[in-house]
Amino acid sequence: MISKNEMPDCPVATTVKLIGSKWKLLILRNLLVRPWRFNELKNNLSPVSHKVLAESLRSMENDAIISRKVYETKPRSVEYSLTELGISLKPVLLEMEKWGIFYKTQKI
């Protein structure tokens, strides 16, 4: 988790630091719909590498945005879902979606 001392003064910069990578945003987009398993995310977000996906998930888990649940099955299964804090990002992502749709309609 980012300590208060490490957080930028600017609230927008803080948000970017927490969720600003391409893969984190797409992971959040998926987790807003339902919990996902690691391999499901990897397949859906292709061409994300195993390493980058694992690092992104670990980072968001450390920042309390997502939770990780391990099922003791053979083979072991792990499921990721949003925490309450993660769910609070929904309006941000919906606005990004709206803006993306708007941008696509512009004659540039």
PDB file of N, CA and C in Angstrom:
ATOM      1  N   MET A   1       0.845  -1.179   0.000  1.00  0.00           N
ATOM      2  CA  MET A   1       0.000   0.000   0.000  1.00  0.00           C
ATOM      3  C   MET A   1       0.886   1.237   0.000  1.00  0.00           C
ATOM      4  N   ILE A   2       0.471   2.228  -0.737  1.00  0.00           N
ATOM      5  CA  ILE A   2       1.210   3.484  -0.783  1.00  0.00           C
ATOM      6  C   ILE A   2       1.006   4.210   0.543  1.00  0.00           C
ATOM      7  N   SER A   3       2.111   4.597   1.173  1.00  0.00           N
ATOM      8  CA  SER A   3       1.999   5.326   2.435  1.00  0.00           C
ATOM      9  C   SER A   3       1.592   6.760   2.153  1.00  0.00           C
ATOM     10  N   LYS A   4       1.081   7.409   3.167  1.00  0.00           N
ATOM     11  CA  LYS A   4       0.655   8.813   3.012  1.00  0.00           C
ATOM     12  C   LYS A   4       1.824   9.684   2.547  1.00  0.00           C
ATOM     13  N   ASN A   5       3.035   9.370   3.000  1.00  0.00           N
ATOM     14  CA  ASN A   5       4.214  10.156   2.612  1.00  0.00           C
ATOM     15  C   ASN A   5       4.566   9.984   1.145  1.00  0.00           C
ATOM     16  N   GLU A   6       4.222   8.821   0.562  1.00  0.00           N
ATOM     17  CA  GLU A   6       4.558   8.546  -0.832  1.00  0.00           C
ATOM     18  C   GLU A   6       3.507   9.056  -1.810  1.00  0.00           C
ATOM     19  N   MET A   7       2.342   9.427  -1.296  1.00  0.00           N
ATOM     20  CA  MET A   7       1.276   9.894  -2.176  1.00  0.00           C
ATOM     21  C   MET A   7       1.573  11.293  -2.680  1.00  0.00           C
ATOM     22  N   PRO A   8       1.349  11.501  -3.985  1.00  0.00           N
ATOM     23  CA  PRO A   8       1.543  12.856  -4.522  1.00  0.00           C
ATOM     24  C   PRO A   8       0.565  13.836  -3.886  1.00  0.00           C
ATOM     25  N   ASP A   9       0.908  15.101  -3.902  1.00  0.00           N
ATOM     26  CA  ASP A   9       0.003  16.135  -3.386  1.00  0.00           C
ATOM     27  C   ASP A   9      -1.263  16.229  -4.228  1.00  0.00           C
ATOM     28  N   CYS A  10      -1.115  16.024  -5.515  1.00  0.00           N
ATOM     29  CA  CYS A  10      -2.240  16.144  -6.449  1.00  0.00           C
ATOM     30  C   CYS A  10      -3.113  14.883  -6.388  1.00  0.00           C
ATOM     31  N   PRO A  11      -4.416  15.024  -6.135  1.00  0.00           N
ATOM     32  CA  PRO A  11      -5.308  13.863  -6.073  1.00  0.00           C
ATOM     33  C   PRO A  11      -5.379  13.083  -7.395  1.00  0.00           C
ATOM     34  N   VAL A  12      -5.279  13.787  -8.522  1.00  0.00           N
ATOM     35  CA  VAL A  12      -5.292  13.096  -9.814  1.00  0.00           C
ATOM     36  C   VAL A  12      -4.036  12.237  -9.945  1.00  0.00           C
ATOM     37  N   ALA A  13      -2.903  12.768  -9.525  1.00  0.00           N
ATOM     38  CA  ALA A  13      -1.652  12.010  -9.574  1.00  0.00           C
ATOM     39  C   ALA A  13      -1.714  10.790  -8.656  1.00  0.00           C
ATOM     40  N   THR A  14      -2.377  10.913  -7.516  1.00  0.00           N
ATOM     41  CA  THR A  14      -2.554   9.775  -6.614  1.00  0.00           C
ATOM     42  C   THR A  14      -3.353   8.674  -7.307  1.00  0.00           C
ATOM     43  N   THR A  15      -4.441   9.055  -7.958  1.00  0.00           N
ATOM     44  CA  THR A  15      -5.274   8.081  -8.670  1.00  0.00           C
ATOM     45  C   THR A  15      -4.476   7.411  -9.776  1.00  0.00           C
ATOM     46  N   VAL A  16      -3.728   8.195 -10.527  1.00  0.00           N
ATOM     47  CA  VAL A  16      -2.911   7.643 -11.610  1.00  0.00           C
ATOM     48  C   VAL A  16      -1.863   6.687 -11.046  1.00  0.00           C
ATOM     49  N   LYS A  17      -1.282   7.027  -9.931  1.00  0.00           N
ATOM     50  CA  LYS A  17      -0.266   6.165  -9.320  1.00  0.00           C
ATOM     51  C   LYS A  17      -0.878   4.814  -8.926  1.00  0.00           C
ATOM     52  N   LEU A  18      -2.122   4.828  -8.468  1.00  0.00           N
ATOM     53  CA  LEU A  18      -2.772   3.594  -8.010  1.00  0.00           C
ATOM     54  C   LEU A  18      -3.336   2.750  -9.146  1.00  0.00           C
ATOM     55  N   ILE A  19      -3.941   3.376 -10.151  1.00  0.00           N
ATOM     56  CA  ILE A  19      -4.634   2.593 -11.187  1.00  0.00           C
ATOM     57  C   ILE A  19      -4.272   3.016 -12.602  1.00  0.00           C
ATOM     58  N   GLY A  20      -3.220   3.789 -12.763  1.00  0.00           N
ATOM     59  CA  GLY A  20      -2.938   4.418 -14.043  1.00  0.00           C
ATOM     60  C   GLY A  20      -2.349   3.552 -15.134  1.00  0.00           C
ATOM     61  N   SER A  21      -2.011   2.315 -14.861  1.00  0.00           N
ATOM     62  CA  SER A  21      -1.447   1.514 -15.947  1.00  0.00           C
ATOM     63  C   SER A  21      -2.556   0.942 -16.821  1.00  0.00           C
ATOM     64  N   LYS A  22      -2.212   0.679 -18.065  1.00  0.00           N
ATOM     65  CA  LYS A  22      -3.158   0.098 -19.019  1.00  0.00           C
ATOM     66  C   LYS A  22      -3.772  -1.181 -18.459  1.00  0.00           C
ATOM     67  N   TRP A  23      -2.954  -2.053 -17.919  1.00  0.00           N
ATOM     68  CA  TRP A  23      -3.453  -3.354 -17.467  1.00  0.00           C
ATOM     69  C   TRP A  23      -4.304  -3.230 -16.223  1.00  0.00           C
ATOM     70  N   LYS A  24      -3.941  -2.352 -15.306  1.00  0.00           N
ATOM     71  CA  LYS A  24      -4.756  -2.190 -14.095  1.00  0.00           C
ATOM     72  C   LYS A  24      -6.159  -1.704 -14.447  1.00  0.00           C
ATOM     73  N   LEU A  25      -6.247  -0.775 -15.363  1.00  0.00           N
ATOM     74  CA  LEU A  25      -7.562  -0.268 -15.757  1.00  0.00           C
ATOM     75  C   LEU A  25      -8.407  -1.367 -16.400  1.00  0.00           C
ATOM     76  N   LEU A  26      -7.791  -2.191 -17.231  1.00  0.00           N
ATOM     77  CA  LEU A  26      -8.542  -3.263 -17.874  1.00  0.00           C
ATOM     78  C   LEU A  26      -8.909  -4.372 -16.892  1.00  0.00           C
ATOM     79  N   ILE A  27      -8.043  -4.626 -15.930  1.00  0.00           N
ATOM     80  CA  ILE A  27      -8.375  -5.588 -14.867  1.00  0.00           C
ATOM     81  C   ILE A  27      -9.585  -5.071 -14.095  1.00  0.00           C
ATOM     82  N   LEU A  28      -9.557  -3.807 -13.717  1.00  0.00           N
ATOM     83  CA  LEU A  28     -10.680  -3.210 -12.991  1.00  0.00           C
ATOM     84  C   LEU A  28     -11.964  -3.276 -13.804  1.00  0.00           C
ATOM     85  N   ARG A  29     -11.861  -2.990 -15.088  1.00  0.00           N
ATOM     86  CA  ARG A  29     -13.034  -3.075 -15.968  1.00  0.00           C
ATOM     87  C   ARG A  29     -13.663  -4.465 -15.873  1.00  0.00           C
ATOM     88  N   ASN A  30     -12.837  -5.497 -15.931  1.00  0.00           N
ATOM     89  CA  ASN A  30     -13.351  -6.864 -15.859  1.00  0.00           C
ATOM     90  C   ASN A  30     -13.931  -7.177 -14.486  1.00  0.00           C
ATOM     91  N   LEU A  31     -13.224  -6.773 -13.433  1.00  0.00           N
ATOM     92  CA  LEU A  31     -13.672  -7.108 -12.080  1.00  0.00           C
ATOM     93  C   LEU A  31     -14.933  -6.354 -11.677  1.00  0.00           C
ATOM     94  N   LEU A  32     -15.259  -5.277 -12.376  1.00  0.00           N
ATOM     95  CA  LEU A  32     -16.525  -4.590 -12.104  1.00  0.00           C
ATOM     96  C   LEU A  32     -17.716  -5.467 -12.476  1.00  0.00           C
ATOM     97  N   VAL A  33     -17.515  -6.388 -13.393  1.00  0.00           N
ATOM     98  CA  VAL A  33     -18.591  -7.261 -13.859  1.00  0.00           C
ATOM     99  C   VAL A  33     -18.774  -8.461 -12.929  1.00  0.00           C
ATOM    100  N   ARG A  34     -17.641  -9.076 -12.521  1.00  0.00           N
ATOM    101  CA  ARG A  34     -17.692 -10.286 -11.696  1.00  0.00           C
ATOM    102  C   ARG A  34     -16.284 -10.629 -11.238  1.00  0.00           C
ATOM    103  N   PRO A  35     -16.160 -11.543 -10.266  1.00  0.00           N
ATOM    104  CA  PRO A  35     -14.831 -12.043  -9.907  1.00  0.00           C
ATOM    105  C   PRO A  35     -14.235 -12.859 -11.065  1.00  0.00           C
ATOM    106  N   TRP A  36     -12.928 -12.802 -11.192  1.00  0.00           N
ATOM    107  CA  TRP A  36     -12.223 -13.523 -12.254  1.00  0.00           C
ATOM    108  C   TRP A  36     -11.084 -14.333 -11.651  1.00  0.00           C
ATOM    109  N   ARG A  37     -10.773 -15.450 -12.282  1.00  0.00           N
ATOM    110  CA  ARG A  37      -9.591 -16.236 -11.940  1.00  0.00           C
ATOM    111  C   ARG A  37      -8.420 -15.720 -12.764  1.00  0.00           C
ATOM    112  N   PHE A  38      -7.215 -16.015 -12.281  1.00  0.00           N
ATOM    113  CA  PHE A  38      -6.001 -15.507 -12.912  1.00  0.00           C
ATOM    114  C   PHE A  38      -5.959 -15.853 -14.397  1.00  0.00           C
ATOM    115  N   ASN A  39      -6.127 -17.127 -14.734  1.00  0.00           N
ATOM    116  CA  ASN A  39      -6.017 -17.537 -16.142  1.00  0.00           C
ATOM    117  C   ASN A  39      -7.119 -16.936 -17.011  1.00  0.00           C
ATOM    118  N   GLU A  40      -8.289 -16.719 -16.438  1.00  0.00           N
ATOM    119  CA  GLU A  40      -9.353 -16.054 -17.195  1.00  0.00           C
ATOM    120  C   GLU A  40      -8.913 -14.636 -17.563  1.00  0.00           C
ATOM    121  N   LEU A  41      -8.353 -13.925 -16.583  1.00  0.00           N
ATOM    122  CA  LEU A  41      -7.868 -12.568 -16.844  1.00  0.00           C
ATOM    123  C   LEU A  41      -6.759 -12.590 -17.883  1.00  0.00           C
ATOM    124  N   LYS A  42      -5.820 -13.512 -17.722  1.00  0.00           N
ATOM    125  CA  LYS A  42      -4.698 -13.585 -18.654  1.00  0.00           C
ATOM    126  C   LYS A  42      -5.186 -13.822 -20.075  1.00  0.00           C
ATOM    127  N   ASN A  43      -6.126 -14.737 -20.248  1.00  0.00           N
ATOM    128  CA  ASN A  43      -6.655 -15.028 -21.580  1.00  0.00           C
ATOM    129  C   ASN A  43      -7.455 -13.850 -22.142  1.00  0.00           C
ATOM    130  N   ASN A  44      -8.233 -13.181 -21.299  1.00  0.00           N
ATOM    131  CA  ASN A  44      -9.056 -12.066 -21.741  1.00  0.00           C
ATOM    132  C   ASN A  44      -8.217 -10.841 -22.082  1.00  0.00           C
ATOM    133  N   LEU A  45      -7.125 -10.659 -21.365  1.00  0.00           N
ATOM    134  CA  LEU A  45      -6.303  -9.460 -21.528  1.00  0.00           C
ATOM    135  C   LEU A  45      -5.080  -9.703 -22.412  1.00  0.00           C
ATOM    136  N   SER A  46      -5.100 -10.765 -23.161  1.00  0.00           N
ATOM    137  CA  SER A  46      -3.976 -11.072 -24.049  1.00  0.00           C
ATOM    138  C   SER A  46      -3.652  -9.831 -24.870  1.00  0.00           C
ATOM    139  N   PRO A  47      -2.436  -9.413 -24.956  1.00  0.00           N
ATOM    140  CA  PRO A  47      -1.165 -10.084 -24.766  1.00  0.00           C
ATOM    141  C   PRO A  47      -0.451  -9.771 -23.448  1.00  0.00           C
ATOM    142  N   VAL A  48      -1.166  -9.513 -22.348  1.00  0.00           N
ATOM    143  CA  VAL A  48      -0.489  -9.237 -21.082  1.00  0.00           C
ATOM    144  C   VAL A  48       0.370 -10.450 -20.700  1.00  0.00           C
ATOM    145  N   SER A  49       1.558 -10.168 -20.194  1.00  0.00           N
ATOM    146  CA  SER A  49       2.433 -11.267 -19.769  1.00  0.00           C
ATOM    147  C   SER A  49       2.015 -11.750 -18.381  1.00  0.00           C
ATOM    148  N   HIS A  50       2.379 -12.961 -18.065  1.00  0.00           N
ATOM    149  CA  HIS A  50       2.101 -13.554 -16.759  1.00  0.00           C
ATOM    150  C   HIS A  50       2.680 -12.656 -15.654  1.00  0.00           C
ATOM    151  N   LYS A  51       3.915 -12.217 -15.862  1.00  0.00           N
ATOM    152  CA  LYS A  51       4.620 -11.390 -14.871  1.00  0.00           C
ATOM    153  C   LYS A  51       3.905 -10.061 -14.630  1.00  0.00           C
ATOM    154  N   VAL A  52       3.534  -9.379 -15.700  1.00  0.00           N
ATOM    155  CA  VAL A  52       2.888  -8.063 -15.569  1.00  0.00           C
ATOM    156  C   VAL A  52       1.515  -8.211 -14.912  1.00  0.00           C
ATOM    157  N   LEU A  53       0.760  -9.235 -15.301  1.00  0.00           N
ATOM    158  CA  LEU A  53      -0.543  -9.453 -14.689  1.00  0.00           C
ATOM    159  C   LEU A  53      -0.396  -9.737 -13.207  1.00  0.00           C
ATOM    160  N   ALA A  54       0.531 -10.614 -12.851  1.00  0.00           N
ATOM    161  CA  ALA A  54       0.747 -10.950 -11.440  1.00  0.00           C
ATOM    162  C   ALA A  54       1.168  -9.720 -10.643  1.00  0.00           C
ATOM    163  N   GLU A  55       2.072  -8.914 -11.195  1.00  0.00           N
ATOM    164  CA  GLU A  55       2.527  -7.695 -10.507  1.00  0.00           C
ATOM    165  C   GLU A  55       1.390  -6.692 -10.341  1.00  0.00           C
ATOM    166  N   SER A  56       0.569  -6.545 -11.382  1.00  0.00           N
ATOM    167  CA  SER A  56      -0.553  -5.605 -11.318  1.00  0.00           C
ATOM    168  C   SER A  56      -1.565  -6.051 -10.267  1.00  0.00           C
ATOM    169  N   LEU A  57      -1.890  -7.335 -10.256  1.00  0.00           N
ATOM    170  CA  LEU A  57      -2.834  -7.863  -9.261  1.00  0.00           C
ATOM    171  C   LEU A  57      -2.274  -7.711  -7.851  1.00  0.00           C
ATOM    172  N   ARG A  58      -1.007  -8.041  -7.671  1.00  0.00           N
ATOM    173  CA  ARG A  58      -0.379  -7.937  -6.355  1.00  0.00           C
ATOM    174  C   ARG A  58      -0.380  -6.486  -5.868  1.00  0.00           C
ATOM    175  N   SER A  59      -0.079  -5.569  -6.768  1.00  0.00           N
ATOM    176  CA  SER A  59      -0.052  -4.150  -6.417  1.00  0.00           C
ATOM    177  C   SER A  59      -1.437  -3.667  -5.988  1.00  0.00           C
ATOM    178  N   MET A  60      -2.463  -4.034  -6.758  1.00  0.00           N
ATOM    179  CA  MET A  60      -3.812  -3.591  -6.400  1.00  0.00           C
ATOM    180  C   MET A  60      -4.312  -4.278  -5.135  1.00  0.00           C
ATOM    181  N   GLU A  61      -3.861  -5.493  -4.886  1.00  0.00           N
ATOM    182  CA  GLU A  61      -4.205  -6.165  -3.628  1.00  0.00           C
ATOM    183  C   GLU A  61      -3.538  -5.448  -2.458  1.00  0.00           C
ATOM    184  N   ASN A  62      -2.272  -5.085  -2.613  1.00  0.00           N
ATOM    185  CA  ASN A  62      -1.560  -4.345  -1.558  1.00  0.00           C
ATOM    186  C   ASN A  62      -2.179  -2.980  -1.292  1.00  0.00           C
ATOM    187  N   ASP A  63      -2.780  -2.394  -2.319  1.00  0.00           N
ATOM    188  CA  ASP A  63      -3.430  -1.086  -2.176  1.00  0.00           C
ATOM    189  C   ASP A  63      -4.890  -1.205  -1.752  1.00  0.00           C
ATOM    190  N   ALA A  64      -5.330  -2.435  -1.454  1.00  0.00           N
ATOM    191  CA  ALA A  64      -6.692  -2.722  -0.948  1.00  0.00           C
ATOM    192  C   ALA A  64      -7.787  -2.434  -1.970  1.00  0.00           C
ATOM    193  N   ILE A  65      -7.438  -2.473  -3.249  1.00  0.00           N
ATOM    194  CA  ILE A  65      -8.421  -2.242  -4.307  1.00  0.00           C
ATOM    195  C   ILE A  65      -9.087  -3.557  -4.715  1.00  0.00           C
ATOM    196  N   ILE A  66      -8.326  -4.638  -4.679  1.00  0.00           N
ATOM    197  CA  ILE A  66      -8.884  -5.950  -4.994  1.00  0.00           C
ATOM    198  C   ILE A  66      -8.562  -6.915  -3.862  1.00  0.00           C
ATOM    199  N   SER A  67      -9.312  -8.017  -3.831  1.00  0.00           N
ATOM    200  CA  SER A  67      -9.014  -9.077  -2.865  1.00  0.00           C
ATOM    201  C   SER A  67      -8.737 -10.359  -3.634  1.00  0.00           C
ATOM    202  N   ARG A  68      -7.985 -11.220  -3.012  1.00  0.00           N
ATOM    203  CA  ARG A  68      -7.561 -12.488  -3.604  1.00  0.00           C
ATOM    204  C   ARG A  68      -8.051 -13.605  -2.703  1.00  0.00           C
ATOM    205  N   LYS A  69      -8.795 -14.533  -3.291  1.00  0.00           N
ATOM    206  CA  LYS A  69      -9.305 -15.673  -2.529  1.00  0.00           C
ATOM    207  C   LYS A  69      -8.722 -16.951  -3.116  1.00  0.00           C
ATOM    208  N   VAL A  70      -8.102 -17.748  -2.253  1.00  0.00           N
ATOM    209  CA  VAL A  70      -7.482 -18.997  -2.685  1.00  0.00           C
ATOM    210  C   VAL A  70      -8.415 -20.143  -2.338  1.00  0.00           C
ATOM    211  N   TYR A  71      -8.697 -20.982  -3.337  1.00  0.00           N
ATOM    212  CA  TYR A  71      -9.498 -22.186  -3.139  1.00  0.00           C
ATOM    213  C   TYR A  71      -8.545 -23.369  -3.085  1.00  0.00           C
ATOM    214  N   GLU A  72      -8.636 -24.153  -2.032  1.00  0.00           N
ATOM    215  CA  GLU A  72      -7.754 -25.308  -1.857  1.00  0.00           C
ATOM    216  C   GLU A  72      -8.289 -26.496  -2.660  1.00  0.00           C
ATOM    217  N   THR A  73      -8.127 -26.408  -3.953  1.00  0.00           N
ATOM    218  CA  THR A  73      -8.516 -27.481  -4.859  1.00  0.00           C
ATOM    219  C   THR A  73      -7.259 -27.993  -5.539  1.00  0.00           C
ATOM    220  N   LYS A  74      -7.378 -29.047  -6.283  1.00  0.00           N
ATOM    221  CA  LYS A  74      -6.255 -29.568  -7.062  1.00  0.00           C
ATOM    222  C   LYS A  74      -6.611 -29.426  -8.527  1.00  0.00           C
ATOM    223  N   PRO A  75      -5.943 -28.632  -9.324  1.00  0.00           N
ATOM    224  CA  PRO A  75      -4.934 -27.673  -8.896  1.00  0.00           C
ATOM    225  C   PRO A  75      -5.566 -26.502  -8.140  1.00  0.00           C
ATOM    226  N   ARG A  76      -4.740 -25.836  -7.356  1.00  0.00           N
ATOM    227  CA  ARG A  76      -5.211 -24.708  -6.558  1.00  0.00           C
ATOM    228  C   ARG A  76      -5.779 -23.620  -7.471  1.00  0.00           C
ATOM    229  N   SER A  77      -6.837 -22.999  -7.022  1.00  0.00           N
ATOM    230  CA  SER A  77      -7.511 -21.967  -7.805  1.00  0.00           C
ATOM    231  C   SER A  77      -7.527 -20.660  -7.009  1.00  0.00           C
ATOM    232  N   VAL A  78      -7.312 -19.556  -7.703  1.00  0.00           N
ATOM    233  CA  VAL A  78      -7.310 -18.231  -7.081  1.00  0.00           C
ATOM    234  C   VAL A  78      -8.310 -17.358  -7.822  1.00  0.00           C
ATOM    235  N   GLU A  79      -9.102 -16.620  -7.065  1.00  0.00           N
ATOM    236  CA  GLU A  79     -10.108 -15.740  -7.645  1.00  0.00           C
ATOM    237  C   GLU A  79      -9.889 -14.326  -7.126  1.00  0.00           C
ATOM    238  N   TYR A  80     -10.019 -13.366  -8.034  1.00  0.00           N
ATOM    239  CA  TYR A  80      -9.844 -11.955  -7.680  1.00  0.00           C
ATOM    240  C   TYR A  80     -11.180 -11.236  -7.793  1.00  0.00           C
ATOM    241  N   SER A  81     -11.422 -10.342  -6.854  1.00  0.00           N
ATOM    242  CA  SER A  81     -12.635  -9.536  -6.879  1.00  0.00           C
ATOM    243  C   SER A  81     -12.323  -8.155  -6.311  1.00  0.00           C
ATOM    244  N   LEU A  82     -13.234  -7.231  -6.528  1.00  0.00           N
ATOM    245  CA  LEU A  82     -13.043  -5.873  -6.019  1.00  0.00           C
ATOM    246  C   LEU A  82     -13.423  -5.796  -4.543  1.00  0.00           C
ATOM    247  N   THR A  83     -12.687  -5.011  -3.807  1.00  0.00           N
ATOM    248  CA  THR A  83     -13.049  -4.679  -2.430  1.00  0.00           C
ATOM    249  C   THR A  83     -14.059  -3.526  -2.490  1.00  0.00           C
ATOM    250  N   GLU A  84     -14.561  -3.117  -1.349  1.00  0.00           N
ATOM    251  CA  GLU A  84     -15.449  -1.943  -1.321  1.00  0.00           C
ATOM    252  C   GLU A  84     -14.721  -0.724  -1.881  1.00  0.00           C
ATOM    253  N   LEU A  85     -13.457  -0.591  -1.539  1.00  0.00           N
ATOM    254  CA  LEU A  85     -12.662   0.517  -2.065  1.00  0.00           C
ATOM    255  C   LEU A  85     -12.561   0.421  -3.585  1.00  0.00           C
ATOM    256  N   GLY A  86     -12.348  -0.778  -4.102  1.00  0.00           N
ATOM    257  CA  GLY A  86     -12.281  -0.983  -5.544  1.00  0.00           C
ATOM    258  C   GLY A  86     -13.593  -0.673  -6.227  1.00  0.00           C
ATOM    259  N   ILE A  87     -14.697  -1.077  -5.606  1.00  0.00           N
ATOM    260  CA  ILE A  87     -16.027  -0.800  -6.165  1.00  0.00           C
ATOM    261  C   ILE A  87     -16.262   0.706  -6.262  1.00  0.00           C
ATOM    262  N   SER A  88     -15.669   1.457  -5.348  1.00  0.00           N
ATOM    263  CA  SER A  88     -15.848   2.917  -5.376  1.00  0.00           C
ATOM    264  C   SER A  88     -15.234   3.557  -6.622  1.00  0.00           C
ATOM    265  N   LEU A  89     -14.417   2.806  -7.374  1.00  0.00           N
ATOM    266  CA  LEU A  89     -13.838   3.312  -8.623  1.00  0.00           C
ATOM    267  C   LEU A  89     -14.802   3.209  -9.809  1.00  0.00           C
ATOM    268  N   LYS A  90     -15.935   2.564  -9.615  1.00  0.00           N
ATOM    269  CA  LYS A  90     -16.872   2.355 -10.715  1.00  0.00           C
ATOM    270  C   LYS A  90     -17.251   3.651 -11.430  1.00  0.00           C
ATOM    271  N   PRO A  91     -17.623   4.717 -10.712  1.00  0.00           N
ATOM    272  CA  PRO A  91     -17.969   5.961 -11.424  1.00  0.00           C
ATOM    273  C   PRO A  91     -16.810   6.508 -12.266  1.00  0.00           C
ATOM    274  N   VAL A  92     -15.598   6.334 -11.798  1.00  0.00           N
ATOM    275  CA  VAL A  92     -14.427   6.807 -12.549  1.00  0.00           C
ATOM    276  C   VAL A  92     -14.328   6.052 -13.871  1.00  0.00           C
ATOM    277  N   LEU A  93     -14.449   4.730 -13.808  1.00  0.00           N
ATOM    278  CA  LEU A  93     -14.343   3.923 -15.018  1.00  0.00           C
ATOM    279  C   LEU A  93     -15.517   4.152 -15.965  1.00  0.00           C
ATOM    280  N   LEU A  94     -16.708   4.356 -15.414  1.00  0.00           N
ATOM    281  CA  LEU A  94     -17.864   4.640 -16.267  1.00  0.00           C
ATOM    282  C   LEU A  94     -17.684   5.969 -17.009  1.00  0.00           C
ATOM    283  N   GLU A  95     -17.130   6.966 -16.339  1.00  0.00           N
ATOM    284  CA  GLU A  95     -16.866   8.248 -17.000  1.00  0.00           C
ATOM    285  C   GLU A  95     -15.794   8.092 -18.075  1.00  0.00           C
ATOM    286  N   MET A  96     -14.793   7.266 -17.822  1.00  0.00           N
ATOM    287  CA  MET A  96     -13.773   7.007 -18.836  1.00  0.00           C
ATOM    288  C   MET A  96     -14.403   6.328 -20.048  1.00  0.00           C
ATOM    289  N   GLU A  97     -15.317   5.408 -19.804  1.00  0.00           N
ATOM    290  CA  GLU A  97     -16.013   4.726 -20.891  1.00  0.00           C
ATOM    291  C   GLU A  97     -16.837   5.731 -21.708  1.00  0.00           C
ATOM    292  N   LYS A  98     -17.585   6.583 -21.018  1.00  0.00           N
ATOM    293  CA  LYS A  98     -18.402   7.597 -21.705  1.00  0.00           C
ATOM    294  C   LYS A  98     -17.528   8.509 -22.559  1.00  0.00           C
ATOM    295  N   TRP A  99     -16.403   8.934 -21.992  1.00  0.00           N
ATOM    296  CA  TRP A  99     -15.520   9.827 -22.735  1.00  0.00           C
ATOM    297  C   TRP A  99     -14.932   9.103 -23.937  1.00  0.00           C
ATOM    298  N   GLY A 100     -14.576   7.839 -23.793  1.00  0.00           N
ATOM    299  CA  GLY A 100     -14.055   7.059 -24.912  1.00  0.00           C
ATOM    300  C   GLY A 100     -15.062   6.944 -26.038  1.00  0.00           C
ATOM    301  N   ILE A 101     -16.329   6.725 -25.692  1.00  0.00           N
ATOM    302  CA  ILE A 101     -17.394   6.662 -26.694  1.00  0.00           C
ATOM    303  C   ILE A 101     -17.535   8.014 -27.385  1.00  0.00           C
ATOM    304  N   PHE A 102     -17.538   9.101 -26.586  1.00  0.00           N
ATOM    305  CA  PHE A 102     -17.624  10.454 -27.136  1.00  0.00           C
ATOM    306  C   PHE A 102     -16.459  10.730 -28.092  1.00  0.00           C
ATOM    307  N   TYR A 103     -15.254  10.391 -27.668  1.00  0.00           N
ATOM    308  CA  TYR A 103     -14.061  10.653 -28.484  1.00  0.00           C
ATOM    309  C   TYR A 103     -14.148   9.951 -29.833  1.00  0.00           C
ATOM    310  N   LYS A 104     -14.648   8.736 -29.830  1.00  0.00           N
ATOM    311  CA  LYS A 104     -14.764   7.970 -31.085  1.00  0.00           C
ATOM    312  C   LYS A 104     -15.711   8.630 -32.078  1.00  0.00           C
ATOM    313  N   THR A 105     -16.636   9.464 -31.600  1.00  0.00           N
ATOM    314  CA  THR A 105     -17.586  10.120 -32.498  1.00  0.00           C
ATOM    315  C   THR A 105     -17.036  11.417 -33.082  1.00  0.00           C
ATOM    316  N   GLN A 106     -15.909  11.890 -32.570  1.00  0.00           N
ATOM    317  CA  GLN A 106     -15.366  13.169 -33.015  1.00  0.00           C
ATOM    318  C   GLN A 106     -14.667  13.045 -34.368  1.00  0.00           C
ATOM    319  N   LYS A 107     -14.835  14.049 -35.193  1.00  0.00           N
ATOM    320  CA  LYS A 107     -14.176  14.117 -36.497  1.00  0.00           C
ATOM    321  C   LYS A 107     -12.853  14.856 -36.307  1.00  0.00           C
ATOM    322  N   ILE A 108     -11.833  14.121 -36.103  1.00  0.00           N
ATOM    323  CA  ILE A 108     -10.522  14.733 -35.828  1.00  0.00           C
ATOM    324  C   ILE A 108      -9.585  14.487 -36.995  1.00  0.00           C
TER     325      ILE A 108
END
